[in-house]
Amino acid sequence: MSSFVVGLTGGIGSGKTAVSDRFRDLGIDIVDADLASRAVLAPGRPAVAAIAEHFGPELIAEDGSLDRAELRRRVFANPDERRWLEALTRPLIAEWLHQQLAEAASPYAILVNPLLIETGHARVCQRVLVVDAPETLQLQRTMHRDGNDEAQVRAIMAAQASREERLTAADDVIVNEGDLTALDDQVRALHDQYLEMAKR
């Protein structure tokens, strides 16, 4: 297990994947909460049956897969439903992430979690790295990428920690408001820093 864990977080559309891909290219093991969410909500998993029972069978396709877009629409429209879903999935996701971190073999590992601060997963990290972008840019990127309307993206943003809360919790910040080449230098500098820290 990599004993040095960097928690990578940022609001929706901030560019977390672009950053984590660059760390992966440098040979670093990436443990991703979005993958954890897909794993615990894969066809046949107990959580999927619980969701079907709670929200109705129409959320499950014939192949057993979950209609994640419809689920997202419902839970972001109703805070009580979102809390119910989080109570179901968060312990399962935490267990999956812990297992993946235990298997990480690179000098340090990166835990990518958009809700790193909200879920308390920052506690298992030695550093918190925040990918920051202006909210207008987050909106544009997410609407373009996911085809969601502005109201839905704003609802997702409202459910996440605020930009100020994330920056307050950050040990390190990558500003992602330019082109992707600007990320390379920032990631490389942090990679060198984390390698040194992991040695100590």
N, C-alpha and C. Protein backbone atom coordinates (compact mmCIF):
# COMPACT_ATOMS: atom_id res chain seq x y z
N MET A 1 0.85 -1.20 0.00
CA MET A 1 0.00 0.00 0.00
C MET A 1 0.88 1.25 0.00
N SER A 2 0.47 2.25 -0.80
CA SER A 2 1.14 3.55 -0.73
C SER A 2 0.71 4.21 0.57
N SER A 3 1.65 4.49 1.45
CA SER A 3 1.28 5.08 2.74
C SER A 3 1.01 6.56 2.61
N PHE A 4 1.40 7.15 1.46
CA PHE A 4 1.18 8.57 1.23
C PHE A 4 0.05 8.73 0.23
N VAL A 5 -1.05 9.34 0.68
CA VAL A 5 -2.23 9.47 -0.18
C VAL A 5 -2.54 10.96 -0.37
N VAL A 6 -2.70 11.33 -1.64
CA VAL A 6 -3.10 12.70 -1.98
C VAL A 6 -4.57 12.66 -2.38
N GLY A 7 -5.40 13.42 -1.69
CA GLY A 7 -6.80 13.52 -2.05
C GLY A 7 -6.98 14.59 -3.11
N LEU A 8 -7.57 14.22 -4.24
CA LEU A 8 -7.78 15.16 -5.35
C LEU A 8 -9.27 15.45 -5.46
N THR A 9 -9.62 16.72 -5.36
CA THR A 9 -11.04 17.08 -5.43
C THR A 9 -11.20 18.39 -6.19
N GLY A 10 -12.45 18.74 -6.44
CA GLY A 10 -12.79 19.96 -7.17
C GLY A 10 -14.25 19.87 -7.56
N GLY A 11 -14.84 21.00 -7.85
CA GLY A 11 -16.25 21.00 -8.24
C GLY A 11 -16.45 20.34 -9.60
N ILE A 12 -17.71 20.08 -9.91
CA ILE A 12 -18.04 19.47 -11.21
C ILE A 12 -17.53 20.40 -12.32
N GLY A 13 -16.91 19.80 -13.35
CA GLY A 13 -16.42 20.60 -14.47
C GLY A 13 -15.13 21.35 -14.20
N SER A 14 -14.47 21.07 -13.06
CA SER A 14 -13.23 21.80 -12.75
C SER A 14 -12.02 21.22 -13.48
N GLY A 15 -12.12 19.93 -13.88
CA GLY A 15 -11.01 19.31 -14.61
C GLY A 15 -10.26 18.27 -13.81
N LYS A 16 -10.93 17.64 -12.86
CA LYS A 16 -10.29 16.60 -12.03
C LYS A 16 -9.73 15.46 -12.88
N THR A 17 -10.49 15.04 -13.88
CA THR A 17 -10.04 13.90 -14.71
C THR A 17 -8.81 14.27 -15.51
N ALA A 18 -8.79 15.48 -16.06
CA ALA A 18 -7.62 15.93 -16.83
C ALA A 18 -6.38 15.91 -15.94
N VAL A 19 -6.54 16.29 -14.68
CA VAL A 19 -5.41 16.30 -13.75
C VAL A 19 -5.02 14.88 -13.36
N SER A 20 -5.99 14.06 -12.99
CA SER A 20 -5.66 12.69 -12.54
C SER A 20 -5.06 11.88 -13.69
N ASP A 21 -5.49 12.13 -14.93
CA ASP A 21 -4.90 11.44 -16.08
C ASP A 21 -3.41 11.75 -16.20
N ARG A 22 -3.06 12.99 -15.90
CA ARG A 22 -1.64 13.38 -15.98
C ARG A 22 -0.82 12.71 -14.88
N PHE A 23 -1.37 12.59 -13.69
CA PHE A 23 -0.66 11.85 -12.64
C PHE A 23 -0.53 10.37 -13.02
N ARG A 24 -1.58 9.83 -13.64
CA ARG A 24 -1.52 8.42 -14.06
C ARG A 24 -0.41 8.23 -15.10
N ASP A 25 -0.28 9.18 -16.01
CA ASP A 25 0.77 9.11 -17.04
C ASP A 25 2.17 9.15 -16.41
N LEU A 26 2.27 9.70 -15.21
CA LEU A 26 3.55 9.75 -14.49
C LEU A 26 3.77 8.49 -13.63
N GLY A 27 2.86 7.51 -13.78
CA GLY A 27 3.05 6.23 -13.09
C GLY A 27 2.40 6.13 -11.72
N ILE A 28 1.49 7.04 -11.42
CA ILE A 28 0.86 7.06 -10.10
C ILE A 28 -0.47 6.31 -10.13
N ASP A 29 -0.71 5.48 -9.11
CA ASP A 29 -1.99 4.75 -9.01
C ASP A 29 -3.11 5.72 -8.63
N ILE A 30 -4.19 5.64 -9.40
CA ILE A 30 -5.35 6.51 -9.17
C ILE A 30 -6.50 5.66 -8.64
N VAL A 31 -7.07 6.09 -7.53
CA VAL A 31 -8.26 5.45 -6.97
C VAL A 31 -9.39 6.46 -7.07
N ASP A 32 -10.44 6.11 -7.82
CA ASP A 32 -11.45 7.10 -8.23
C ASP A 32 -12.82 6.77 -7.62
N ALA A 33 -13.37 7.74 -6.89
CA ALA A 33 -14.67 7.53 -6.25
C ALA A 33 -15.79 7.34 -7.27
N ASP A 34 -15.65 7.93 -8.47
CA ASP A 34 -16.67 7.71 -9.51
C ASP A 34 -16.68 6.25 -9.95
N LEU A 35 -15.49 5.64 -10.05
CA LEU A 35 -15.41 4.21 -10.38
C LEU A 35 -16.00 3.39 -9.24
N ALA A 36 -15.74 3.82 -8.01
CA ALA A 36 -16.31 3.12 -6.85
C ALA A 36 -17.83 3.15 -6.91
N SER A 37 -18.37 4.32 -7.27
CA SER A 37 -19.82 4.46 -7.37
C SER A 37 -20.38 3.52 -8.44
N ARG A 38 -19.67 3.42 -9.58
CA ARG A 38 -20.13 2.50 -10.63
C ARG A 38 -20.04 1.05 -10.17
N ALA A 39 -18.96 0.74 -9.43
CA ALA A 39 -18.76 -0.65 -8.98
C ALA A 39 -19.87 -1.08 -8.01
N VAL A 40 -20.22 -0.20 -7.06
CA VAL A 40 -21.22 -0.60 -6.07
C VAL A 40 -22.63 -0.53 -6.65
N LEU A 41 -22.79 0.15 -7.82
CA LEU A 41 -24.10 0.22 -8.47
C LEU A 41 -24.13 -0.57 -9.78
N ALA A 42 -23.24 -1.56 -9.88
CA ALA A 42 -23.22 -2.41 -11.07
C ALA A 42 -24.41 -3.37 -11.03
N PRO A 43 -24.84 -3.86 -12.21
CA PRO A 43 -25.97 -4.80 -12.25
C PRO A 43 -25.75 -5.97 -11.29
N GLY A 44 -26.82 -6.29 -10.55
CA GLY A 44 -26.76 -7.43 -9.65
C GLY A 44 -26.26 -7.10 -8.25
N ARG A 45 -25.74 -5.89 -8.05
CA ARG A 45 -25.25 -5.53 -6.71
C ARG A 45 -26.43 -5.24 -5.79
N PRO A 46 -26.28 -5.53 -4.49
CA PRO A 46 -27.40 -5.32 -3.56
C PRO A 46 -27.94 -3.88 -3.56
N ALA A 47 -27.06 -2.90 -3.75
CA ALA A 47 -27.52 -1.51 -3.72
C ALA A 47 -28.51 -1.23 -4.85
N VAL A 48 -28.33 -1.89 -5.99
CA VAL A 48 -29.23 -1.66 -7.13
C VAL A 48 -30.64 -2.17 -6.80
N ALA A 49 -30.70 -3.32 -6.14
CA ALA A 49 -32.00 -3.85 -5.74
C ALA A 49 -32.68 -2.91 -4.74
N ALA A 50 -31.91 -2.34 -3.82
CA ALA A 50 -32.47 -1.41 -2.84
C ALA A 50 -33.00 -0.15 -3.52
N ILE A 51 -32.27 0.32 -4.54
CA ILE A 51 -32.70 1.52 -5.28
C ILE A 51 -33.99 1.23 -6.05
N ALA A 52 -34.07 0.06 -6.67
CA ALA A 52 -35.28 -0.32 -7.41
C ALA A 52 -36.50 -0.39 -6.47
N GLU A 53 -36.25 -0.92 -5.27
CA GLU A 53 -37.34 -1.03 -4.29
C GLU A 53 -37.80 0.35 -3.83
N HIS A 54 -36.83 1.26 -3.66
CA HIS A 54 -37.15 2.59 -3.12
C HIS A 54 -37.74 3.52 -4.19
N PHE A 55 -37.14 3.56 -5.37
CA PHE A 55 -37.53 4.51 -6.40
C PHE A 55 -38.49 3.92 -7.44
N GLY A 56 -38.53 2.60 -7.51
CA GLY A 56 -39.38 1.97 -8.51
C GLY A 56 -38.56 1.24 -9.57
N PRO A 57 -39.10 0.13 -10.10
CA PRO A 57 -38.36 -0.71 -11.03
C PRO A 57 -38.04 -0.04 -12.36
N GLU A 58 -38.71 1.08 -12.67
CA GLU A 58 -38.46 1.73 -13.97
C GLU A 58 -37.04 2.31 -14.05
N LEU A 59 -36.34 2.40 -12.93
CA LEU A 59 -34.97 2.89 -12.95
C LEU A 59 -33.97 1.82 -13.39
N ILE A 60 -34.45 0.58 -13.52
CA ILE A 60 -33.55 -0.52 -13.90
C ILE A 60 -33.87 -0.98 -15.32
N ALA A 61 -32.85 -0.98 -16.18
CA ALA A 61 -33.03 -1.42 -17.57
C ALA A 61 -33.13 -2.95 -17.62
N GLU A 62 -33.47 -3.47 -18.81
CA GLU A 62 -33.64 -4.92 -18.96
C GLU A 62 -32.36 -5.69 -18.66
N ASP A 63 -31.20 -5.07 -18.94
CA ASP A 63 -29.93 -5.76 -18.68
C ASP A 63 -29.49 -5.64 -17.22
N GLY A 64 -30.36 -5.03 -16.39
CA GLY A 64 -30.04 -4.93 -14.96
C GLY A 64 -29.28 -3.67 -14.59
N SER A 65 -28.94 -2.84 -15.60
CA SER A 65 -28.16 -1.63 -15.32
C SER A 65 -29.09 -0.52 -14.83
N LEU A 66 -28.49 0.39 -14.08
CA LEU A 66 -29.22 1.49 -13.46
C LEU A 66 -29.28 2.67 -14.43
N ASP A 67 -30.43 3.32 -14.49
CA ASP A 67 -30.55 4.56 -15.26
C ASP A 67 -29.99 5.69 -14.40
N ARG A 68 -28.68 5.88 -14.49
CA ARG A 68 -28.00 6.81 -13.60
C ARG A 68 -28.43 8.25 -13.84
N ALA A 69 -28.72 8.60 -15.09
CA ALA A 69 -29.14 9.97 -15.40
C ALA A 69 -30.47 10.29 -14.72
N GLU A 70 -31.40 9.34 -14.78
CA GLU A 70 -32.71 9.54 -14.15
C GLU A 70 -32.58 9.56 -12.62
N LEU A 71 -31.73 8.67 -12.09
CA LEU A 71 -31.50 8.66 -10.65
C LEU A 71 -30.92 10.01 -10.20
N ARG A 72 -29.94 10.51 -10.95
CA ARG A 72 -29.33 11.79 -10.62
C ARG A 72 -30.37 12.90 -10.65
N ARG A 73 -31.23 12.88 -11.69
CA ARG A 73 -32.27 13.91 -11.80
C ARG A 73 -33.17 13.91 -10.57
N ARG A 74 -33.56 12.71 -10.14
CA ARG A 74 -34.49 12.62 -9.00
C ARG A 74 -33.84 13.06 -7.69
N VAL A 75 -32.60 12.61 -7.45
CA VAL A 75 -32.01 12.92 -6.15
C VAL A 75 -31.59 14.39 -6.04
N PHE A 76 -31.24 15.01 -7.16
CA PHE A 76 -30.86 16.41 -7.07
C PHE A 76 -32.09 17.32 -7.06
N ALA A 77 -33.26 16.76 -7.34
CA ALA A 77 -34.50 17.52 -7.24
C ALA A 77 -35.10 17.41 -5.84
N ASN A 78 -34.59 16.47 -5.03
CA ASN A 78 -35.20 16.22 -3.72
C ASN A 78 -34.11 15.90 -2.69
N PRO A 79 -33.81 16.84 -1.80
CA PRO A 79 -32.73 16.63 -0.82
C PRO A 79 -32.92 15.39 0.05
N ASP A 80 -34.18 15.06 0.40
CA ASP A 80 -34.41 13.85 1.22
C ASP A 80 -34.01 12.59 0.47
N GLU A 81 -34.33 12.55 -0.83
CA GLU A 81 -33.96 11.38 -1.64
C GLU A 81 -32.43 11.29 -1.79
N ARG A 82 -31.79 12.46 -1.91
CA ARG A 82 -30.34 12.44 -2.02
C ARG A 82 -29.71 11.90 -0.74
N ARG A 83 -30.25 12.32 0.41
CA ARG A 83 -29.72 11.82 1.69
C ARG A 83 -29.93 10.32 1.82
N TRP A 84 -31.10 9.84 1.35
CA TRP A 84 -31.36 8.39 1.41
C TRP A 84 -30.32 7.62 0.58
N LEU A 85 -30.07 8.12 -0.64
CA LEU A 85 -29.12 7.45 -1.53
C LEU A 85 -27.71 7.48 -0.94
N GLU A 86 -27.34 8.62 -0.38
CA GLU A 86 -25.99 8.74 0.22
C GLU A 86 -25.83 7.78 1.39
N ALA A 87 -26.87 7.65 2.21
CA ALA A 87 -26.79 6.73 3.35
C ALA A 87 -26.60 5.29 2.89
N LEU A 88 -27.18 4.96 1.73
CA LEU A 88 -27.04 3.61 1.16
C LEU A 88 -25.64 3.40 0.58
N THR A 89 -25.18 4.37 -0.21
CA THR A 89 -23.98 4.13 -1.02
C THR A 89 -22.67 4.53 -0.36
N ARG A 90 -22.68 5.52 0.50
CA ARG A 90 -21.40 6.03 1.03
C ARG A 90 -20.58 4.97 1.77
N PRO A 91 -21.18 4.16 2.64
CA PRO A 91 -20.36 3.13 3.30
C PRO A 91 -19.79 2.11 2.31
N LEU A 92 -20.56 1.77 1.26
CA LEU A 92 -20.09 0.81 0.25
C LEU A 92 -18.94 1.40 -0.55
N ILE A 93 -19.07 2.68 -0.90
CA ILE A 93 -18.02 3.36 -1.66
C ILE A 93 -16.75 3.47 -0.81
N ALA A 94 -16.91 3.82 0.47
CA ALA A 94 -15.74 3.96 1.36
C ALA A 94 -14.98 2.64 1.47
N GLU A 95 -15.72 1.55 1.56
CA GLU A 95 -15.10 0.22 1.66
C GLU A 95 -14.32 -0.11 0.38
N TRP A 96 -14.90 0.19 -0.78
CA TRP A 96 -14.25 -0.07 -2.07
C TRP A 96 -12.98 0.75 -2.20
N LEU A 97 -13.06 2.04 -1.82
CA LEU A 97 -11.90 2.93 -1.93
C LEU A 97 -10.77 2.45 -1.01
N HIS A 98 -11.13 2.05 0.20
CA HIS A 98 -10.13 1.59 1.16
C HIS A 98 -9.39 0.37 0.61
N GLN A 99 -10.15 -0.54 -0.01
CA GLN A 99 -9.56 -1.74 -0.59
C GLN A 99 -8.60 -1.38 -1.73
N GLN A 100 -9.01 -0.46 -2.59
CA GLN A 100 -8.18 -0.06 -3.72
C GLN A 100 -6.90 0.66 -3.25
N LEU A 101 -7.03 1.50 -2.24
CA LEU A 101 -5.85 2.19 -1.71
C LEU A 101 -4.88 1.19 -1.09
N ALA A 102 -5.42 0.15 -0.47
CA ALA A 102 -4.58 -0.88 0.15
C ALA A 102 -3.76 -1.61 -0.91
N GLU A 103 -4.28 -1.67 -2.15
CA GLU A 103 -3.59 -2.39 -3.23
C GLU A 103 -2.68 -1.49 -4.06
N ALA A 104 -2.69 -0.17 -3.79
CA ALA A 104 -1.88 0.76 -4.58
C ALA A 104 -0.39 0.49 -4.34
N ALA A 105 0.40 0.54 -5.41
CA ALA A 105 1.81 0.16 -5.32
C ALA A 105 2.77 1.28 -5.73
N SER A 106 2.25 2.41 -6.22
CA SER A 106 3.13 3.50 -6.63
C SER A 106 3.66 4.25 -5.39
N PRO A 107 4.69 5.11 -5.55
CA PRO A 107 5.29 5.79 -4.39
C PRO A 107 4.27 6.56 -3.54
N TYR A 108 3.29 7.13 -4.20
CA TYR A 108 2.13 7.70 -3.51
C TYR A 108 0.91 7.39 -4.36
N ALA A 109 -0.26 7.50 -3.76
CA ALA A 109 -1.50 7.22 -4.50
C ALA A 109 -2.36 8.48 -4.50
N ILE A 110 -3.22 8.56 -5.51
CA ILE A 110 -4.15 9.70 -5.59
C ILE A 110 -5.58 9.17 -5.45
N LEU A 111 -6.30 9.75 -4.50
CA LEU A 111 -7.70 9.42 -4.28
C LEU A 111 -8.53 10.55 -4.87
N VAL A 112 -9.22 10.27 -5.98
CA VAL A 112 -10.04 11.28 -6.65
C VAL A 112 -11.47 11.18 -6.13
N ASN A 113 -11.95 12.27 -5.55
CA ASN A 113 -13.31 12.25 -5.01
C ASN A 113 -13.90 13.66 -5.05
N PRO A 114 -14.95 13.87 -5.87
CA PRO A 114 -15.56 15.20 -5.92
C PRO A 114 -16.13 15.61 -4.56
N LEU A 115 -16.43 14.61 -3.71
CA LEU A 115 -17.00 14.90 -2.39
C LEU A 115 -16.00 14.58 -1.28
N LEU A 116 -14.72 14.76 -1.56
CA LEU A 116 -13.67 14.41 -0.60
C LEU A 116 -13.89 15.09 0.75
N ILE A 117 -14.24 16.35 0.72
CA ILE A 117 -14.41 17.12 1.94
C ILE A 117 -15.73 16.77 2.61
N GLU A 118 -16.80 16.68 1.80
CA GLU A 118 -18.13 16.42 2.35
C GLU A 118 -18.23 15.04 3.00
N THR A 119 -17.54 14.04 2.44
CA THR A 119 -17.67 12.67 2.95
C THR A 119 -16.69 12.35 4.08
N GLY A 120 -15.76 13.26 4.33
CA GLY A 120 -14.76 12.98 5.37
C GLY A 120 -13.60 12.13 4.89
N HIS A 121 -13.56 11.80 3.58
CA HIS A 121 -12.47 10.97 3.05
C HIS A 121 -11.12 11.69 3.09
N ALA A 122 -11.14 13.02 3.28
CA ALA A 122 -9.88 13.76 3.40
C ALA A 122 -9.07 13.27 4.59
N ARG A 123 -9.74 12.63 5.55
CA ARG A 123 -9.03 12.15 6.75
C ARG A 123 -7.99 11.08 6.43
N VAL A 124 -8.17 10.34 5.34
CA VAL A 124 -7.19 9.28 5.02
C VAL A 124 -6.06 9.82 4.13
N CYS A 125 -6.07 11.14 3.87
CA CYS A 125 -5.10 11.72 2.95
C CYS A 125 -4.05 12.55 3.71
N GLN A 126 -2.82 12.47 3.21
CA GLN A 126 -1.75 13.31 3.77
C GLN A 126 -1.77 14.73 3.18
N ARG A 127 -2.28 14.85 1.96
CA ARG A 127 -2.42 16.16 1.31
C ARG A 127 -3.78 16.22 0.63
N VAL A 128 -4.33 17.43 0.55
CA VAL A 128 -5.55 17.66 -0.21
C VAL A 128 -5.21 18.62 -1.36
N LEU A 129 -5.43 18.13 -2.59
CA LEU A 129 -5.16 18.90 -3.81
C LEU A 129 -6.50 19.28 -4.44
N VAL A 130 -6.72 20.57 -4.58
CA VAL A 130 -7.98 21.06 -5.15
C VAL A 130 -7.73 21.57 -6.57
N VAL A 131 -8.53 21.09 -7.51
CA VAL A 131 -8.53 21.63 -8.88
C VAL A 131 -9.58 22.73 -8.90
N ASP A 132 -9.14 23.94 -9.18
CA ASP A 132 -10.03 25.10 -9.07
C ASP A 132 -10.27 25.72 -10.43
N ALA A 133 -11.52 26.12 -10.66
CA ALA A 133 -11.88 26.84 -11.89
C ALA A 133 -13.04 27.77 -11.56
N PRO A 134 -13.16 28.89 -12.26
CA PRO A 134 -14.30 29.79 -12.02
C PRO A 134 -15.62 29.06 -12.26
N GLU A 135 -16.64 29.43 -11.49
CA GLU A 135 -17.92 28.73 -11.58
C GLU A 135 -18.55 28.84 -12.97
N THR A 136 -18.35 29.98 -13.65
CA THR A 136 -18.91 30.12 -15.00
C THR A 136 -18.30 29.09 -15.94
N LEU A 137 -17.00 28.83 -15.75
CA LEU A 137 -16.31 27.84 -16.58
C LEU A 137 -16.78 26.42 -16.24
N GLN A 138 -16.99 26.15 -14.95
CA GLN A 138 -17.53 24.84 -14.53
C GLN A 138 -18.87 24.59 -15.21
N LEU A 139 -19.73 25.61 -15.19
CA LEU A 139 -21.06 25.49 -15.81
C LEU A 139 -20.93 25.17 -17.30
N GLN A 140 -20.13 25.96 -18.01
CA GLN A 140 -19.98 25.78 -19.46
C GLN A 140 -19.47 24.38 -19.78
N ARG A 141 -18.40 23.96 -19.08
CA ARG A 141 -17.80 22.65 -19.36
C ARG A 141 -18.79 21.52 -19.11
N THR A 142 -19.52 21.61 -17.99
CA THR A 142 -20.42 20.50 -17.63
C THR A 142 -21.61 20.43 -18.56
N MET A 143 -22.18 21.59 -18.91
CA MET A 143 -23.32 21.59 -19.83
C MET A 143 -22.89 21.03 -21.18
N HIS A 144 -21.70 21.41 -21.63
CA HIS A 144 -21.18 20.92 -22.91
C HIS A 144 -20.89 19.42 -22.86
N ARG A 145 -20.30 18.96 -21.75
CA ARG A 145 -19.86 17.56 -21.64
C ARG A 145 -21.03 16.61 -21.44
N ASP A 146 -21.96 16.97 -20.54
CA ASP A 146 -23.01 16.03 -20.14
C ASP A 146 -24.35 16.29 -20.81
N GLY A 147 -24.46 17.42 -21.51
CA GLY A 147 -25.74 17.75 -22.13
C GLY A 147 -26.82 18.10 -21.11
N ASN A 148 -26.41 18.47 -19.88
CA ASN A 148 -27.40 18.87 -18.87
C ASN A 148 -27.74 20.34 -19.03
N ASP A 149 -28.96 20.71 -18.56
CA ASP A 149 -29.29 22.13 -18.61
C ASP A 149 -28.67 22.85 -17.41
N GLU A 150 -28.67 24.16 -17.48
CA GLU A 150 -27.99 24.96 -16.45
C GLU A 150 -28.57 24.71 -15.06
N ALA A 151 -29.90 24.57 -14.98
CA ALA A 151 -30.54 24.37 -13.66
C ALA A 151 -30.03 23.09 -12.99
N GLN A 152 -29.88 22.01 -13.78
CA GLN A 152 -29.42 20.75 -13.19
C GLN A 152 -27.96 20.85 -12.75
N VAL A 153 -27.14 21.51 -13.57
CA VAL A 153 -25.73 21.66 -13.20
C VAL A 153 -25.61 22.51 -11.93
N ARG A 154 -26.42 23.57 -11.85
CA ARG A 154 -26.38 24.42 -10.65
C ARG A 154 -26.84 23.64 -9.41
N ALA A 155 -27.81 22.73 -9.58
CA ALA A 155 -28.27 21.91 -8.45
C ALA A 155 -27.15 20.99 -7.96
N ILE A 156 -26.39 20.42 -8.91
CA ILE A 156 -25.26 19.56 -8.55
C ILE A 156 -24.20 20.38 -7.83
N MET A 157 -23.92 21.57 -8.36
CA MET A 157 -22.91 22.44 -7.74
C MET A 157 -23.33 22.84 -6.33
N ALA A 158 -24.63 23.08 -6.15
CA ALA A 158 -25.14 23.50 -4.83
C ALA A 158 -25.02 22.37 -3.80
N ALA A 159 -25.03 21.12 -4.29
CA ALA A 159 -24.94 19.97 -3.38
C ALA A 159 -23.49 19.68 -2.98
N GLN A 160 -22.55 20.28 -3.70
CA GLN A 160 -21.13 20.07 -3.39
C GLN A 160 -20.66 21.19 -2.45
N ALA A 161 -19.50 20.95 -1.83
CA ALA A 161 -18.88 22.01 -1.03
C ALA A 161 -18.70 23.24 -1.91
N SER A 162 -18.74 24.42 -1.30
CA SER A 162 -18.54 25.64 -2.08
C SER A 162 -17.07 25.75 -2.49
N ARG A 163 -16.84 26.60 -3.46
CA ARG A 163 -15.47 26.83 -3.92
C ARG A 163 -14.60 27.30 -2.74
N GLU A 164 -15.16 28.18 -1.91
CA GLU A 164 -14.42 28.70 -0.75
C GLU A 164 -14.08 27.58 0.23
N GLU A 165 -15.05 26.69 0.49
CA GLU A 165 -14.82 25.58 1.43
C GLU A 165 -13.71 24.66 0.93
N ARG A 166 -13.72 24.38 -0.37
CA ARG A 166 -12.68 23.52 -0.92
C ARG A 166 -11.31 24.18 -0.81
N LEU A 167 -11.24 25.47 -1.16
CA LEU A 167 -9.94 26.16 -1.13
C LEU A 167 -9.42 26.28 0.30
N THR A 168 -10.32 26.42 1.26
CA THR A 168 -9.91 26.48 2.67
C THR A 168 -9.30 25.15 3.11
N ALA A 169 -9.84 24.05 2.59
CA ALA A 169 -9.36 22.71 2.98
C ALA A 169 -8.10 22.29 2.22
N ALA A 170 -7.73 23.06 1.18
CA ALA A 170 -6.65 22.64 0.27
C ALA A 170 -5.27 22.84 0.90
N ASP A 171 -4.40 21.85 0.67
CA ASP A 171 -2.96 22.03 0.90
C ASP A 171 -2.30 22.55 -0.37
N ASP A 172 -2.82 22.10 -1.52
CA ASP A 172 -2.27 22.48 -2.82
C ASP A 172 -3.44 22.79 -3.74
N VAL A 173 -3.21 23.71 -4.69
CA VAL A 173 -4.27 24.10 -5.63
C VAL A 173 -3.70 24.10 -7.04
N ILE A 174 -4.45 23.49 -7.97
CA ILE A 174 -4.16 23.61 -9.40
C ILE A 174 -5.25 24.49 -9.99
N VAL A 175 -4.82 25.58 -10.63
CA VAL A 175 -5.79 26.48 -11.27
C VAL A 175 -5.95 26.01 -12.71
N ASN A 176 -7.18 25.62 -13.07
CA ASN A 176 -7.44 25.07 -14.39
C ASN A 176 -8.43 25.96 -15.14
N GLU A 177 -7.91 27.09 -15.62
CA GLU A 177 -8.78 27.98 -16.40
C GLU A 177 -8.18 28.30 -17.76
N GLY A 178 -7.03 27.69 -18.07
CA GLY A 178 -6.41 27.91 -19.37
C GLY A 178 -6.50 26.66 -20.21
N ASP A 179 -5.54 26.48 -21.11
CA ASP A 179 -5.55 25.27 -21.93
C ASP A 179 -4.89 24.13 -21.17
N LEU A 180 -5.01 22.93 -21.72
CA LEU A 180 -4.55 21.73 -21.01
C LEU A 180 -3.04 21.69 -20.82
N THR A 181 -2.29 22.34 -21.72
CA THR A 181 -0.83 22.31 -21.57
C THR A 181 -0.42 23.03 -20.29
N ALA A 182 -1.22 24.00 -19.86
CA ALA A 182 -0.91 24.72 -18.62
C ALA A 182 -0.98 23.78 -17.41
N LEU A 183 -1.75 22.70 -17.54
CA LEU A 183 -1.85 21.72 -16.44
C LEU A 183 -0.56 20.92 -16.28
N ASP A 184 0.11 20.64 -17.39
CA ASP A 184 1.28 19.75 -17.35
C ASP A 184 2.34 20.25 -16.37
N ASP A 185 2.65 21.53 -16.45
CA ASP A 185 3.69 22.09 -15.58
C ASP A 185 3.28 22.02 -14.12
N GLN A 186 2.01 22.34 -13.85
CA GLN A 186 1.53 22.32 -12.46
C GLN A 186 1.57 20.90 -11.89
N VAL A 187 1.13 19.93 -12.71
CA VAL A 187 1.11 18.54 -12.24
C VAL A 187 2.53 18.03 -12.02
N ARG A 188 3.42 18.33 -12.96
CA ARG A 188 4.81 17.85 -12.84
C ARG A 188 5.46 18.39 -11.56
N ALA A 189 5.25 19.68 -11.27
CA ALA A 189 5.83 20.29 -10.07
C ALA A 189 5.30 19.61 -8.80
N LEU A 190 4.00 19.35 -8.76
CA LEU A 190 3.41 18.69 -7.59
C LEU A 190 3.88 17.24 -7.48
N HIS A 191 4.00 16.57 -8.62
CA HIS A 191 4.48 15.18 -8.63
C HIS A 191 5.86 15.11 -7.96
N ASP A 192 6.76 15.99 -8.35
CA ASP A 192 8.11 16.00 -7.75
C ASP A 192 8.02 16.25 -6.25
N GLN A 193 7.15 17.17 -5.87
CA GLN A 193 6.97 17.50 -4.45
C GLN A 193 6.44 16.29 -3.67
N TYR A 194 5.44 15.60 -4.25
CA TYR A 194 4.84 14.46 -3.55
C TYR A 194 5.82 13.29 -3.44
N LEU A 195 6.64 13.09 -4.47
CA LEU A 195 7.66 12.03 -4.40
C LEU A 195 8.61 12.28 -3.23
N GLU A 196 9.02 13.53 -3.07
CA GLU A 196 9.89 13.87 -1.95
C GLU A 196 9.19 13.66 -0.61
N MET A 197 7.96 14.09 -0.51
CA MET A 197 7.19 13.92 0.74
C MET A 197 6.98 12.46 1.07
N ALA A 198 6.69 11.66 0.03
CA ALA A 198 6.43 10.23 0.25
C ALA A 198 7.68 9.52 0.77
N LYS A 199 8.86 9.97 0.32
CA LYS A 199 10.12 9.38 0.81
C LYS A 199 10.29 9.61 2.31
N ARG A 200 9.87 10.80 2.76
CA ARG A 200 10.02 11.14 4.17
C ARG A 200 9.01 10.41 5.03
